[in-house]
Amino acid sequence: EPAYATAFQIQVSAAATGPWTNVYSTTTGTGGTPK
């Protein structure tokens, strides 16, 4: 939405408690609909 995050990560895990693996990270997000 218009109030988007510029810095975010996408992490995955086989369990809800982790361990978590970072598969995407940015500090320059521009909103919209990135794939």
Full PDB file with SEQRES, HELIX, SHEET, SSBOND, CRYST1, ORIGX, SCALE, CONECT and MASTER records, all heavy atoms in Angstrom:
SEQRES   1 A   35  GLU PRO ALA TYR ALA THR ALA PHE GLN ILE GLN VAL SER          
SEQRES   2 A   35  ALA ALA ALA THR GLY PRO TRP THR ASN VAL TYR SER THR          
SEQRES   3 A   35  THR THR GLY THR GLY GLY THR PRO LYS                          
SHEET    1 AA1 2 PHE A   8  VAL A  12  0                                        
SHEET    2 AA1 2 THR A  21  THR A  26 -1                                        
CRYST1    1.000    1.000    1.000  90.00  90.00  90.00 P 1           1          
ORIGX1      1.000000  0.000000  0.000000        0.00000                         
ORIGX2      0.000000  1.000000  0.000000        0.00000                         
ORIGX3      0.000000  0.000000  1.000000        0.00000                         
SCALE1      1.000000  0.000000  0.000000        0.00000                         
SCALE2      0.000000  1.000000  0.000000        0.00000                         
SCALE3      0.000000  0.000000  1.000000        0.00000                         
ATOM      1  N   GLU A   1       0.858  -1.172   0.000  1.00  0.00           N  
ATOM      2  CA  GLU A   1       0.000   0.000   0.000  1.00  0.00           C  
ATOM      3  C   GLU A   1       0.900   1.230   0.000  1.00  0.00           C  
ATOM      4  O   GLU A   1       2.119   1.096   0.029  1.00  0.00           O  
ATOM      5  CB  GLU A   1      -0.909  -0.022   1.224  1.00  0.00           C  
ATOM      6  CG  GLU A   1      -0.136   0.014   2.524  1.00  0.00           C  
ATOM      7  CD  GLU A   1      -0.852   0.795   3.600  1.00  0.00           C  
ATOM      8  OE1 GLU A   1      -2.044   1.071   3.470  1.00  0.00           O  
ATOM      9  OE2 GLU A   1      -0.193   1.146   4.573  1.00  0.00           O  
ATOM     10  N   PRO A   2       0.349   2.454  -0.022  1.00  0.00           N  
ATOM     11  CA  PRO A   2       1.208   3.644  -0.050  1.00  0.00           C  
ATOM     12  C   PRO A   2       2.200   3.752   1.112  1.00  0.00           C  
ATOM     13  O   PRO A   2       3.269   4.326   0.957  1.00  0.00           O  
ATOM     14  CB  PRO A   2       0.210   4.803  -0.031  1.00  0.00           C  
ATOM     15  CG  PRO A   2      -0.989   4.238  -0.734  1.00  0.00           C  
ATOM     16  CD  PRO A   2      -1.061   2.805  -0.258  1.00  0.00           C  
ATOM     17  N   ALA A   3       1.882   3.201   2.267  1.00  0.00           N  
ATOM     18  CA  ALA A   3       2.805   3.233   3.417  1.00  0.00           C  
ATOM     19  C   ALA A   3       3.636   1.956   3.426  1.00  0.00           C  
ATOM     20  O   ALA A   3       3.492   1.103   4.285  1.00  0.00           O  
ATOM     21  CB  ALA A   3       2.019   3.381   4.714  1.00  0.00           C  
ATOM     22  N   TYR A   4       4.534   1.828   2.470  1.00  0.00           N  
ATOM     23  CA  TYR A   4       5.313   0.598   2.310  1.00  0.00           C  
ATOM     24  C   TYR A   4       6.635   0.657   3.067  1.00  0.00           C  
ATOM     25  O   TYR A   4       7.116   1.718   3.455  1.00  0.00           O  
ATOM     26  CB  TYR A   4       5.591   0.344   0.829  1.00  0.00           C  
ATOM     27  CG  TYR A   4       6.356   1.456   0.153  1.00  0.00           C  
ATOM     28  CD1 TYR A   4       7.735   1.470   0.143  1.00  0.00           C  
ATOM     29  CD2 TYR A   4       5.685   2.502  -0.467  1.00  0.00           C  
ATOM     30  CE1 TYR A   4       8.441   2.488  -0.462  1.00  0.00           C  
ATOM     31  CE2 TYR A   4       6.379   3.527  -1.076  1.00  0.00           C  
ATOM     32  CZ  TYR A   4       7.758   3.517  -1.074  1.00  0.00           C  
ATOM     33  OH  TYR A   4       8.445   4.529  -1.685  1.00  0.00           O  
ATOM     34  N   ALA A   5       7.236  -0.502   3.239  1.00  0.00           N  
ATOM     35  CA  ALA A   5       8.550  -0.604   3.875  1.00  0.00           C  
ATOM     36  C   ALA A   5       9.643  -0.423   2.830  1.00  0.00           C  
ATOM     37  O   ALA A   5       9.560  -0.990   1.741  1.00  0.00           O  
ATOM     38  CB  ALA A   5       8.713  -1.960   4.543  1.00  0.00           C  
ATOM     39  N   THR A   6      10.656   0.352   3.152  1.00  0.00           N  
ATOM     40  CA  THR A   6      11.798   0.471   2.248  1.00  0.00           C  
ATOM     41  C   THR A   6      12.848  -0.581   2.566  1.00  0.00           C  
ATOM     42  O   THR A   6      13.599  -0.980   1.694  1.00  0.00           O  
ATOM     43  CB  THR A   6      12.434   1.873   2.327  1.00  0.00           C  
ATOM     44  OG1 THR A   6      12.790   2.137   3.679  1.00  0.00           O  
ATOM     45  CG2 THR A   6      11.469   2.932   1.820  1.00  0.00           C  
ATOM     46  N   ALA A   7      12.906  -1.022   3.792  1.00  0.00           N  
ATOM     47  CA  ALA A   7      13.851  -2.065   4.195  1.00  0.00           C  
ATOM     48  C   ALA A   7      13.052  -3.270   4.681  1.00  0.00           C  
ATOM     49  O   ALA A   7      12.202  -3.148   5.565  1.00  0.00           O  
ATOM     50  CB  ALA A   7      14.764  -1.557   5.295  1.00  0.00           C  
ATOM     51  N   PHE A   8      13.305  -4.427   4.079  1.00  0.00           N  
ATOM     52  CA  PHE A   8      12.626  -5.642   4.512  1.00  0.00           C  
ATOM     53  C   PHE A   8      13.414  -6.866   4.084  1.00  0.00           C  
ATOM     54  O   PHE A   8      14.289  -6.791   3.230  1.00  0.00           O  
ATOM     55  CB  PHE A   8      11.186  -5.715   3.984  1.00  0.00           C  
ATOM     56  CG  PHE A   8      11.069  -5.776   2.489  1.00  0.00           C  
ATOM     57  CD1 PHE A   8      11.025  -7.004   1.829  1.00  0.00           C  
ATOM     58  CD2 PHE A   8      10.992  -4.617   1.731  1.00  0.00           C  
ATOM     59  CE1 PHE A   8      10.908  -7.056   0.449  1.00  0.00           C  
ATOM     60  CE2 PHE A   8      10.875  -4.668   0.357  1.00  0.00           C  
ATOM     61  CZ  PHE A   8      10.834  -5.889  -0.290  1.00  0.00           C  
ATOM     62  N   GLN A   9      13.089  -7.985   4.706  1.00  0.00           N  
ATOM     63  CA  GLN A   9      13.689  -9.271   4.385  1.00  0.00           C  
ATOM     64  C   GLN A   9      12.583 -10.290   4.150  1.00  0.00           C  
ATOM     65  O   GLN A   9      11.508 -10.181   4.727  1.00  0.00           O  
ATOM     66  CB  GLN A   9      14.555  -9.783   5.538  1.00  0.00           C  
ATOM     67  CG  GLN A   9      15.718  -8.911   5.880  1.00  0.00           C  
ATOM     68  CD  GLN A   9      16.450  -9.440   7.108  1.00  0.00           C  
ATOM     69  OE1 GLN A   9      15.945 -10.249   7.870  1.00  0.00           O  
ATOM     70  NE2 GLN A   9      17.670  -8.961   7.291  1.00  0.00           N  
ATOM     71  N   ILE A  10      12.891 -11.277   3.345  1.00  0.00           N  
ATOM     72  CA  ILE A  10      12.039 -12.458   3.209  1.00  0.00           C  
ATOM     73  C   ILE A  10      12.873 -13.623   3.714  1.00  0.00           C  
ATOM     74  O   ILE A  10      13.999 -13.844   3.251  1.00  0.00           O  
ATOM     75  CB  ILE A  10      11.585 -12.671   1.760  1.00  0.00           C  
ATOM     76  CG1 ILE A  10      10.715 -11.493   1.329  1.00  0.00           C  
ATOM     77  CG2 ILE A  10      10.833 -14.002   1.637  1.00  0.00           C  
ATOM     78  CD1 ILE A  10      10.288 -11.536  -0.116  1.00  0.00           C  
ATOM     79  N   GLN A  11      12.326 -14.333   4.698  1.00  0.00           N  
ATOM     80  CA  GLN A  11      13.024 -15.454   5.303  1.00  0.00           C  
ATOM     81  C   GLN A  11      12.143 -16.686   5.231  1.00  0.00           C  
ATOM     82  O   GLN A  11      10.918 -16.582   5.245  1.00  0.00           O  
ATOM     83  CB  GLN A  11      13.362 -15.147   6.763  1.00  0.00           C  
ATOM     84  CG  GLN A  11      14.263 -13.945   6.923  1.00  0.00           C  
ATOM     85  CD  GLN A  11      14.536 -13.626   8.386  1.00  0.00           C  
ATOM     86  OE1 GLN A  11      13.745 -13.936   9.273  1.00  0.00           O  
ATOM     87  NE2 GLN A  11      15.677 -13.005   8.637  1.00  0.00           N  
ATOM     88  N   VAL A  12      12.766 -17.854   5.175  1.00  0.00           N  
ATOM     89  CA  VAL A  12      12.044 -19.123   5.127  1.00  0.00           C  
ATOM     90  C   VAL A  12      12.552 -20.045   6.223  1.00  0.00           C  
ATOM     91  O   VAL A  12      13.684 -19.919   6.674  1.00  0.00           O  
ATOM     92  CB  VAL A  12      12.171 -19.803   3.743  1.00  0.00           C  
ATOM     93  CG1 VAL A  12      11.543 -18.952   2.655  1.00  0.00           C  
ATOM     94  CG2 VAL A  12      13.622 -20.106   3.416  1.00  0.00           C  
ATOM     95  N   SER A  13      11.688 -20.964   6.610  1.00  0.00           N  
ATOM     96  CA  SER A  13      12.046 -21.959   7.612  1.00  0.00           C  
ATOM     97  C   SER A  13      11.132 -23.165   7.449  1.00  0.00           C  
ATOM     98  O   SER A  13       9.984 -23.030   7.034  1.00  0.00           O  
ATOM     99  CB  SER A  13      11.877 -21.388   9.021  1.00  0.00           C  
ATOM    100  OG  SER A  13      12.136 -22.395   9.990  1.00  0.00           O  
ATOM    101  N   ALA A  14      11.650 -24.330   7.781  1.00  0.00           N  
ATOM    102  CA  ALA A  14      10.825 -25.540   7.770  1.00  0.00           C  
ATOM    103  C   ALA A  14       9.941 -25.610   9.015  1.00  0.00           C  
ATOM    104  O   ALA A  14       9.005 -26.406   9.069  1.00  0.00           O  
ATOM    105  CB  ALA A  14      11.701 -26.783   7.677  1.00  0.00           C  
ATOM    106  N   ALA A  15      10.225 -24.770  10.013  1.00  0.00           N  
ATOM    107  CA  ALA A  15       9.443 -24.741  11.248  1.00  0.00           C  
ATOM    108  C   ALA A  15       9.183 -23.295  11.647  1.00  0.00           C  
ATOM    109  O   ALA A  15      10.021 -22.424  11.412  1.00  0.00           O  
ATOM    110  CB  ALA A  15      10.192 -25.463  12.365  1.00  0.00           C  
ATOM    111  N   ALA A  16       8.057 -23.046  12.256  1.00  0.00           N  
ATOM    112  CA  ALA A  16       7.681 -21.675  12.633  1.00  0.00           C  
ATOM    113  C   ALA A  16       8.626 -21.059  13.650  1.00  0.00           C  
ATOM    114  O   ALA A  16       8.661 -19.851  13.806  1.00  0.00           O  
ATOM    115  CB  ALA A  16       6.254 -21.664  13.179  1.00  0.00           C  
ATOM    116  N   THR A  17       9.409 -21.876  14.316  1.00  0.00           N  
ATOM    117  CA  THR A  17      10.341 -21.383  15.322  1.00  0.00           C  
ATOM    118  C   THR A  17      11.758 -21.240  14.782  1.00  0.00           C  
ATOM    119  O   THR A  17      12.667 -20.888  15.514  1.00  0.00           O  
ATOM    120  CB  THR A  17      10.358 -22.328  16.531  1.00  0.00           C  
ATOM    121  OG1 THR A  17      10.695 -23.636  16.084  1.00  0.00           O  
ATOM    122  CG2 THR A  17       9.014 -22.346  17.227  1.00  0.00           C  
ATOM    123  N   GLY A  18      11.955 -21.504  13.479  1.00  0.00           N  
ATOM    124  CA  GLY A  18      13.280 -21.391  12.870  1.00  0.00           C  
ATOM    125  C   GLY A  18      13.997 -22.726  12.877  1.00  0.00           C  
ATOM    126  O   GLY A  18      13.395 -23.738  13.197  1.00  0.00           O  
ATOM    127  N   PRO A  19      15.223 -22.730  12.482  1.00  0.00           N  
ATOM    128  CA  PRO A  19      16.037 -21.573  12.122  1.00  0.00           C  
ATOM    129  C   PRO A  19      15.563 -20.940  10.812  1.00  0.00           C  
ATOM    130  O   PRO A  19      15.021 -21.618   9.946  1.00  0.00           O  
ATOM    131  CB  PRO A  19      17.450 -22.150  11.967  1.00  0.00           C  
ATOM    132  CG  PRO A  19      17.232 -23.565  11.579  1.00  0.00           C  
ATOM    133  CD  PRO A  19      15.963 -23.982  12.286  1.00  0.00           C  
ATOM    134  N   TRP A  20      15.780 -19.630  10.674  1.00  0.00           N  
ATOM    135  CA  TRP A  20      15.341 -18.855   9.524  1.00  0.00           C  
ATOM    136  C   TRP A  20      16.501 -18.628   8.564  1.00  0.00           C  
ATOM    137  O   TRP A  20      17.616 -18.353   8.988  1.00  0.00           O  
ATOM    138  CB  TRP A  20      14.769 -17.511   9.980  1.00  0.00           C  
ATOM    139  CG  TRP A  20      13.541 -17.694  10.803  1.00  0.00           C  
ATOM    140  CD1 TRP A  20      13.465 -17.766  12.164  1.00  0.00           C  
ATOM    141  CD2 TRP A  20      12.221 -17.873  10.322  1.00  0.00           C  
ATOM    142  NE1 TRP A  20      12.174 -17.964  12.565  1.00  0.00           N  
ATOM    143  CE2 TRP A  20      11.378 -18.037  11.438  1.00  0.00           C  
ATOM    144  CE3 TRP A  20      11.647 -17.902   9.055  1.00  0.00           C  
ATOM    145  CZ2 TRP A  20      10.011 -18.228  11.324  1.00  0.00           C  
ATOM    146  CZ3 TRP A  20      10.284 -18.089   8.948  1.00  0.00           C  
ATOM    147  CH2 TRP A  20       9.485 -18.251  10.064  1.00  0.00           C  
ATOM    148  N   THR A  21      16.218 -18.729   7.278  1.00  0.00           N  
ATOM    149  CA  THR A  21      17.205 -18.471   6.233  1.00  0.00           C  
ATOM    150  C   THR A  21      16.747 -17.261   5.435  1.00  0.00           C  
ATOM    151  O   THR A  21      15.623 -17.234   4.927  1.00  0.00           O  
ATOM    152  CB  THR A  21      17.341 -19.689   5.289  1.00  0.00           C  
ATOM    153  OG1 THR A  21      17.733 -20.814   6.067  1.00  0.00           O  
ATOM    154  CG2 THR A  21      18.360 -19.430   4.198  1.00  0.00           C  
ATOM    155  N   ASN A  22      17.620 -16.291   5.319  1.00  0.00           N  
ATOM    156  CA  ASN A  22      17.306 -15.086   4.573  1.00  0.00           C  
ATOM    157  C   ASN A  22      17.444 -15.373   3.074  1.00  0.00           C  
ATOM    158  O   ASN A  22      18.513 -15.757   2.623  1.00  0.00           O  
ATOM    159  CB  ASN A  22      18.273 -13.964   4.997  1.00  0.00           C  
ATOM    160  CG  ASN A  22      17.762 -12.603   4.654  1.00  0.00           C  
ATOM    161  OD1 ASN A  22      16.567 -12.403   4.515  1.00  0.00           O  
ATOM    162  ND2 ASN A  22      18.659 -11.657   4.535  1.00  0.00           N  
ATOM    163  N   VAL A  23      16.355 -15.209   2.295  1.00  0.00           N  
ATOM    164  CA  VAL A  23      16.414 -15.451   0.846  1.00  0.00           C  
ATOM    165  C   VAL A  23      16.302 -14.170   0.036  1.00  0.00           C  
ATOM    166  O   VAL A  23      16.526 -14.171  -1.168  1.00  0.00           O  
ATOM    167  CB  VAL A  23      15.339 -16.463   0.389  1.00  0.00           C  
ATOM    168  CG1 VAL A  23      15.604 -17.831   0.995  1.00  0.00           C  
ATOM    169  CG2 VAL A  23      13.934 -15.989   0.710  1.00  0.00           C  
ATOM    170  N   TYR A  24      15.954 -13.070   0.696  1.00  0.00           N  
ATOM    171  CA  TYR A  24      15.904 -11.776   0.013  1.00  0.00           C  
ATOM    172  C   TYR A  24      16.014 -10.679   1.057  1.00  0.00           C  
ATOM    173  O   TYR A  24      15.443 -10.785   2.140  1.00  0.00           O  
ATOM    174  CB  TYR A  24      14.600 -11.606  -0.768  1.00  0.00           C  
ATOM    175  CG  TYR A  24      14.537 -10.289  -1.502  1.00  0.00           C  
ATOM    176  CD1 TYR A  24      15.175 -10.124  -2.724  1.00  0.00           C  
ATOM    177  CD2 TYR A  24      13.873  -9.200  -0.954  1.00  0.00           C  
ATOM    178  CE1 TYR A  24      15.141  -8.908  -3.390  1.00  0.00           C  
ATOM    179  CE2 TYR A  24      13.838  -7.982  -1.615  1.00  0.00           C  
ATOM    180  CZ  TYR A  24      14.476  -7.846  -2.829  1.00  0.00           C  
ATOM    181  OH  TYR A  24      14.454  -6.636  -3.480  1.00  0.00           O  
ATOM    182  N   SER A  25      16.728  -9.621   0.712  1.00  0.00           N  
ATOM    183  CA  SER A  25      16.883  -8.488   1.610  1.00  0.00           C  
ATOM    184  C   SER A  25      17.078  -7.228   0.786  1.00  0.00           C  
ATOM    185  O   SER A  25      17.769  -7.254  -0.237  1.00  0.00           O  
ATOM    186  CB  SER A  25      18.100  -8.715   2.515  1.00  0.00           C  
ATOM    187  OG  SER A  25      18.239  -7.650   3.420  1.00  0.00           O  
ATOM    188  N   THR A  26      16.460  -6.125   1.219  1.00  0.00           N  
ATOM    189  CA  THR A  26      16.669  -4.840   0.558  1.00  0.00           C  
ATOM    190  C   THR A  26      16.561  -3.719   1.580  1.00  0.00           C  
ATOM    191  O   THR A  26      15.883  -3.864   2.598  1.00  0.00           O  
ATOM    192  CB  THR A  26      15.670  -4.597  -0.590  1.00  0.00           C  
ATOM    193  OG1 THR A  26      16.037  -3.395  -1.281  1.00  0.00           O  
ATOM    194  CG2 THR A  26      14.246  -4.469  -0.091  1.00  0.00           C  
ATOM    195  N   THR A  27      17.226  -2.639   1.289  1.00  0.00           N  
ATOM    196  CA  THR A  27      17.078  -1.408   2.069  1.00  0.00           C  
ATOM    197  C   THR A  27      16.594  -0.277   1.167  1.00  0.00           C  
ATOM    198  O   THR A  27      16.536   0.864   1.583  1.00  0.00           O  
ATOM    199  CB  THR A  27      18.408  -1.004   2.728  1.00  0.00           C  
ATOM    200  OG1 THR A  27      19.380  -0.823   1.701  1.00  0.00           O  
ATOM    201  CG2 THR A  27      18.866  -2.032   3.731  1.00  0.00           C  
ATOM    202  N   THR A  28      16.245  -0.640  -0.078  1.00  0.00           N  
ATOM    203  CA  THR A  28      15.841   0.374  -1.057  1.00  0.00           C  
ATOM    204  C   THR A  28      14.515   0.021  -1.727  1.00  0.00           C  
ATOM    205  O   THR A  28      14.319   0.280  -2.901  1.00  0.00           O  
ATOM    206  CB  THR A  28      16.936   0.548  -2.134  1.00  0.00           C  
ATOM    207  OG1 THR A  28      17.163  -0.715  -2.778  1.00  0.00           O  
ATOM    208  CG2 THR A  28      18.228   1.061  -1.531  1.00  0.00           C  
ATOM    209  N   GLY A  29      13.584  -0.561  -0.977  1.00  0.00           N  
ATOM    210  CA  GLY A  29      12.279  -0.899  -1.523  1.00  0.00           C  
ATOM    211  C   GLY A  29      11.537   0.337  -1.997  1.00  0.00           C  
ATOM    212  O   GLY A  29      11.652   1.407  -1.401  1.00  0.00           O  
ATOM    213  N   THR A  30      10.766   0.176  -3.079  1.00  0.00           N  
ATOM    214  CA  THR A  30      10.057   1.312  -3.662  1.00  0.00           C  
ATOM    215  C   THR A  30       8.545   1.141  -3.678  1.00  0.00           C  
ATOM    216  O   THR A  30       7.846   1.896  -4.343  1.00  0.00           O  
ATOM    217  CB  THR A  30      10.550   1.555  -5.105  1.00  0.00           C  
ATOM    218  OG1 THR A  30      10.321   0.360  -5.863  1.00  0.00           O  
ATOM    219  CG2 THR A  30      12.017   1.922  -5.136  1.00  0.00           C  
ATOM    220  N   GLY A  31       8.030   0.140  -2.959  1.00  0.00           N  
ATOM    221  CA  GLY A  31       6.595  -0.078  -2.919  1.00  0.00           C  
ATOM    222  C   GLY A  31       6.097  -0.738  -4.190  1.00  0.00           C  
ATOM    223  O   GLY A  31       6.830  -1.437  -4.874  1.00  0.00           O  
ATOM    224  N   GLY A  32       4.831  -0.500  -4.506  1.00  0.00           N  
ATOM    225  CA  GLY A  32       4.259  -1.101  -5.706  1.00  0.00           C  
ATOM    226  C   GLY A  32       4.022  -2.584  -5.531  1.00  0.00           C  
ATOM    227  O   GLY A  32       3.635  -3.045  -4.470  1.00  0.00           O  
ATOM    228  N   THR A  33       4.283  -3.350  -6.596  1.00  0.00           N  
ATOM    229  CA  THR A  33       4.079  -4.791  -6.576  1.00  0.00           C  
ATOM    230  C   THR A  33       5.316  -5.494  -7.114  1.00  0.00           C  
ATOM    231  O   THR A  33       5.326  -6.003  -8.227  1.00  0.00           O  
ATOM    232  CB  THR A  33       2.837  -5.168  -7.419  1.00  0.00           C  
ATOM    233  OG1 THR A  33       1.729  -4.375  -6.991  1.00  0.00           O  
ATOM    234  CG2 THR A  33       2.470  -6.636  -7.251  1.00  0.00           C  
ATOM    235  N   PRO A  34       6.391  -5.523  -6.333  1.00  0.00           N  
ATOM    236  CA  PRO A  34       7.588  -6.221  -6.817  1.00  0.00           C  
ATOM    237  C   PRO A  34       7.407  -7.727  -6.752  1.00  0.00           C  
ATOM    238  O   PRO A  34       6.725  -8.240  -5.869  1.00  0.00           O  
ATOM    239  CB  PRO A  34       8.677  -5.769  -5.850  1.00  0.00           C  
ATOM    240  CG  PRO A  34       7.945  -5.486  -4.586  1.00  0.00           C  
ATOM    241  CD  PRO A  34       6.592  -4.949  -5.016  1.00  0.00           C  
ATOM    242  N   LYS A  35       7.966  -8.420  -7.694  1.00  0.00           N  
ATOM    243  CA  LYS A  35       8.004  -9.879  -7.664  1.00  0.00           C  
ATOM    244  C   LYS A  35       9.442 -10.256  -7.335  1.00  0.00           C  
ATOM    245  O   LYS A  35      10.343 -10.051  -8.147  1.00  0.00           O  
ATOM    246  CB  LYS A  35       7.575 -10.471  -9.000  1.00  0.00           C  
ATOM    247  CG  LYS A  35       7.421 -11.966  -8.954  1.00  0.00           C  
ATOM    248  CD  LYS A  35       6.817 -12.488 -10.240  1.00  0.00           C  
ATOM    249  CE  LYS A  35       6.610 -13.977 -10.167  1.00  0.00           C  
ATOM    250  NZ  LYS A  35       6.077 -14.501 -11.417  1.00  0.00           N  
TER     251      LYS A  35                                                      
MASTER        0    0    0    0    2    0    0    6  250    1    0    3          
END                                                                             
